[in-house]
Amino acid sequence: SRRQRQMCIRDSSYTIDNTAIAQIEIGGVETAASLLITGLHLPGSTAVTVGSFLVSVVLATSPSKVVINQSLYEVHFAYDNSYYTHCYHDILYSYDSGGHLMDTTKSYHQAVGG
């Protein structure tokens, strides 16, 4: 039997346009995290984690647009249903200026308390 069980508590999508991408290229993780706090309503430490991932995707692919689809799960111990952690599943889709999908990147991370 499994030791934990996950319950999806939120699915979100956020589009980062060319203007925001230019800001991320200049401002780095701090700018990306700030955008994610507003766009996905993430807590600060989680926004920094996802923002770091976003910066690496932006620098690697030089996209015109990035769409982030995020699922947030609350994880509980199976034996007594007590809280264990939050788990974020992120999929980043990078598009070129013609709207063609260039890259899809996945990231998974956990954060106690959200």
C-alpha atoms as a PDB file:
ATOM      1  CA  SER A   1       0.000   0.000   0.000  1.00  0.00           C
ATOM      2  CA  ARG A   2       1.069   3.604  -0.540  1.00  0.00           C
ATOM      3  CA  ARG A   3       2.390   5.631   2.379  1.00  0.00           C
ATOM      4  CA  GLN A   4       0.965   8.937   1.134  1.00  0.00           C
ATOM      5  CA  ARG A   5      -2.012  10.063  -0.872  1.00  0.00           C
ATOM      6  CA  GLN A   6      -2.295  13.173  -3.010  1.00  0.00           C
ATOM      7  CA  MET A   7      -5.351  15.359  -3.480  1.00  0.00           C
ATOM      8  CA  CYS A   8      -5.340  17.952  -6.260  1.00  0.00           C
ATOM      9  CA  ILE A   9      -6.433  21.229  -4.716  1.00  0.00           C
ATOM     10  CA  ARG A  10      -5.778  23.611  -7.629  1.00  0.00           C
ATOM     11  CA  ASP A  11      -5.011  23.666 -11.349  1.00  0.00           C
ATOM     12  CA  SER A  12      -3.697  26.973 -12.708  1.00  0.00           C
ATOM     13  CA  SER A  13      -2.400  28.356 -15.970  1.00  0.00           C
ATOM     14  CA  TYR A  14      -0.358  31.505 -16.493  1.00  0.00           C
ATOM     15  CA  THR A  15       0.947  32.997 -19.743  1.00  0.00           C
ATOM     16  CA  ILE A  16       4.172  34.990 -19.762  1.00  0.00           C
ATOM     17  CA  ASP A  17       4.356  37.235 -22.798  1.00  0.00           C
ATOM     18  CA  ASN A  18       7.336  38.648 -24.691  1.00  0.00           C
ATOM     19  CA  THR A  19       7.459  41.823 -22.560  1.00  0.00           C
ATOM     20  CA  ALA A  20       7.610  39.811 -19.319  1.00  0.00           C
ATOM     21  CA  ILE A  21      10.211  37.469 -20.828  1.00  0.00           C
ATOM     22  CA  ALA A  22      12.427  40.487 -21.617  1.00  0.00           C
ATOM     23  CA  GLN A  23      12.030  41.618 -17.990  1.00  0.00           C
ATOM     24  CA  ILE A  24      12.988  38.115 -16.761  1.00  0.00           C
ATOM     25  CA  GLU A  25      16.102  38.111 -18.975  1.00  0.00           C
ATOM     26  CA  ILE A  26      17.228  41.343 -17.270  1.00  0.00           C
ATOM     27  CA  GLY A  27      15.931  40.829 -13.718  1.00  0.00           C
ATOM     28  CA  GLY A  28      16.460  37.080 -13.365  1.00  0.00           C
ATOM     29  CA  VAL A  29      14.919  35.007 -10.590  1.00  0.00           C
ATOM     30  CA  GLU A  30      13.672  37.972  -8.548  1.00  0.00           C
ATOM     31  CA  THR A  31      11.625  39.284 -11.498  1.00  0.00           C
ATOM     32  CA  ALA A  32      10.350  35.807 -12.399  1.00  0.00           C
ATOM     33  CA  ALA A  33       9.326  35.135  -8.790  1.00  0.00           C
ATOM     34  CA  SER A  34       7.506  38.460  -8.588  1.00  0.00           C
ATOM     35  CA  LEU A  35       5.528  37.650 -11.741  1.00  0.00           C
ATOM     36  CA  LEU A  36       4.651  34.195 -10.383  1.00  0.00           C
ATOM     37  CA  ILE A  37       3.511  35.544  -7.018  1.00  0.00           C
ATOM     38  CA  THR A  38       1.026  37.706  -8.911  1.00  0.00           C
ATOM     39  CA  GLY A  39       0.155  35.337 -11.765  1.00  0.00           C
ATOM     40  CA  LEU A  40      -0.096  32.001  -9.953  1.00  0.00           C
ATOM     41  CA  HIS A  41      -0.613  33.330  -6.399  1.00  0.00           C
ATOM     42  CA  LEU A  42       2.422  31.423  -5.135  1.00  0.00           C
ATOM     43  CA  PRO A  43       4.033  31.861  -1.721  1.00  0.00           C
ATOM     44  CA  GLY A  44       7.460  33.537  -1.870  1.00  0.00           C
ATOM     45  CA  SER A  45       9.747  30.527  -1.442  1.00  0.00           C
ATOM     46  CA  THR A  46       7.785  28.478  -3.969  1.00  0.00           C
ATOM     47  CA  ALA A  47       7.796  31.412  -6.420  1.00  0.00           C
ATOM     48  CA  VAL A  48      11.611  31.544  -6.150  1.00  0.00           C
ATOM     49  CA  THR A  49      11.856  27.792  -6.869  1.00  0.00           C
ATOM     50  CA  VAL A  50       9.536  27.956  -9.888  1.00  0.00           C
ATOM     51  CA  GLY A  51      11.095  31.285 -10.926  1.00  0.00           C
ATOM     52  CA  SER A  52      14.564  29.711 -11.019  1.00  0.00           C
ATOM     53  CA  PHE A  53      13.190  26.961 -13.228  1.00  0.00           C
ATOM     54  CA  LEU A  54      11.469  29.546 -15.459  1.00  0.00           C
ATOM     55  CA  VAL A  55      14.690  31.578 -15.846  1.00  0.00           C
ATOM     56  CA  SER A  56      16.588  28.456 -16.954  1.00  0.00           C
ATOM     57  CA  VAL A  57      13.892  27.704 -19.566  1.00  0.00           C
ATOM     58  CA  VAL A  58      13.880  31.320 -20.830  1.00  0.00           C
ATOM     59  CA  LEU A  59      17.674  31.429 -21.133  1.00  0.00           C
ATOM     60  CA  ALA A  60      17.822  28.014 -22.832  1.00  0.00           C
ATOM     61  CA  THR A  61      15.029  28.504 -25.386  1.00  0.00           C
ATOM     62  CA  SER A  62      14.669  32.314 -25.888  1.00  0.00           C
ATOM     63  CA  PRO A  63      10.898  31.995 -26.315  1.00  0.00           C
ATOM     64  CA  SER A  64       8.384  34.667 -27.286  1.00  0.00           C
ATOM     65  CA  LYS A  65       5.817  33.212 -24.908  1.00  0.00           C
ATOM     66  CA  VAL A  66       5.791  30.695 -22.047  1.00  0.00           C
ATOM     67  CA  VAL A  67       2.642  29.055 -20.719  1.00  0.00           C
ATOM     68  CA  ILE A  68       2.895  27.506 -17.257  1.00  0.00           C
ATOM     69  CA  ASN A  69       0.342  24.888 -16.283  1.00  0.00           C
ATOM     70  CA  GLN A  70       0.549  24.061 -12.608  1.00  0.00           C
ATOM     71  CA  SER A  71      -1.223  21.486 -10.479  1.00  0.00           C
ATOM     72  CA  LEU A  72      -1.003  21.823  -6.708  1.00  0.00           C
ATOM     73  CA  TYR A  73      -1.462  18.720  -4.580  1.00  0.00           C
ATOM     74  CA  GLU A  74      -1.818  18.382  -0.850  1.00  0.00           C
ATOM     75  CA  VAL A  75      -0.118  15.207   0.330  1.00  0.00           C
ATOM     76  CA  HIS A  76      -1.266  13.312   3.417  1.00  0.00           C
ATOM     77  CA  PHE A  77      -0.012  10.185   5.143  1.00  0.00           C
ATOM     78  CA  ALA A  78      -2.263   7.277   4.157  1.00  0.00           C
ATOM     79  CA  TYR A  79      -2.342   5.650   7.586  1.00  0.00           C
ATOM     80  CA  ASP A  80      -3.838   8.574   9.538  1.00  0.00           C
ATOM     81  CA  ASN A  81      -4.599  11.222   6.880  1.00  0.00           C
ATOM     82  CA  SER A  82      -2.298  13.767   8.588  1.00  0.00           C
ATOM     83  CA  TYR A  83      -0.716  16.514   6.482  1.00  0.00           C
ATOM     84  CA  TYR A  84       2.687  15.738   4.949  1.00  0.00           C
ATOM     85  CA  THR A  85       3.506  18.422   2.338  1.00  0.00           C
ATOM     86  CA  HIS A  86       2.350  20.307  -0.764  1.00  0.00           C
ATOM     87  CA  CYS A  87       3.558  19.086  -4.157  1.00  0.00           C
ATOM     88  CA  TYR A  88       3.699  21.318  -7.230  1.00  0.00           C
ATOM     89  CA  HIS A  89       3.664  19.842 -10.736  1.00  0.00           C
ATOM     90  CA  ASP A  90       4.674  22.432 -13.344  1.00  0.00           C
ATOM     91  CA  ILE A  91       4.701  22.079 -17.124  1.00  0.00           C
ATOM     92  CA  LEU A  92       6.251  24.950 -19.075  1.00  0.00           C
ATOM     93  CA  TYR A  93       5.454  25.290 -22.774  1.00  0.00           C
ATOM     94  CA  SER A  94       7.812  27.572 -24.732  1.00  0.00           C
ATOM     95  CA  TYR A  95       6.623  29.121 -28.015  1.00  0.00           C
ATOM     96  CA  ASP A  96       8.465  30.984 -30.749  1.00  0.00           C
ATOM     97  CA  SER A  97       7.250  34.253 -32.304  1.00  0.00           C
ATOM     98  CA  GLY A  98       5.125  32.313 -34.811  1.00  0.00           C
ATOM     99  CA  GLY A  99       3.256  30.548 -31.999  1.00  0.00           C
ATOM    100  CA  HIS A 100       4.957  27.205 -32.631  1.00  0.00           C
ATOM    101  CA  LEU A 101       5.726  24.999 -29.633  1.00  0.00           C
ATOM    102  CA  MET A 102       9.522  24.831 -29.215  1.00  0.00           C
ATOM    103  CA  ASP A 103       9.917  23.031 -25.900  1.00  0.00           C
ATOM    104  CA  THR A 104       7.991  21.377 -23.097  1.00  0.00           C
ATOM    105  CA  THR A 105       9.649  21.112 -19.680  1.00  0.00           C
ATOM    106  CA  LYS A 106       8.327  19.531 -16.493  1.00  0.00           C
ATOM    107  CA  SER A 107       9.239  20.256 -12.893  1.00  0.00           C
ATOM    108  CA  TYR A 108       8.113  18.755  -9.607  1.00  0.00           C
ATOM    109  CA  HIS A 109       8.838  20.174  -6.158  1.00  0.00           C
ATOM    110  CA  GLN A 110       7.522  20.080  -2.621  1.00  0.00           C
ATOM    111  CA  ALA A 111       6.949  22.776  -0.044  1.00  0.00           C
ATOM    112  CA  VAL A 112       5.823  22.233   3.529  1.00  0.00           C
ATOM    113  CA  GLY A 113       2.856  24.445   4.306  1.00  0.00           C
ATOM    114  CA  GLY A 114       2.242  25.451   0.705  1.00  0.00           C
END
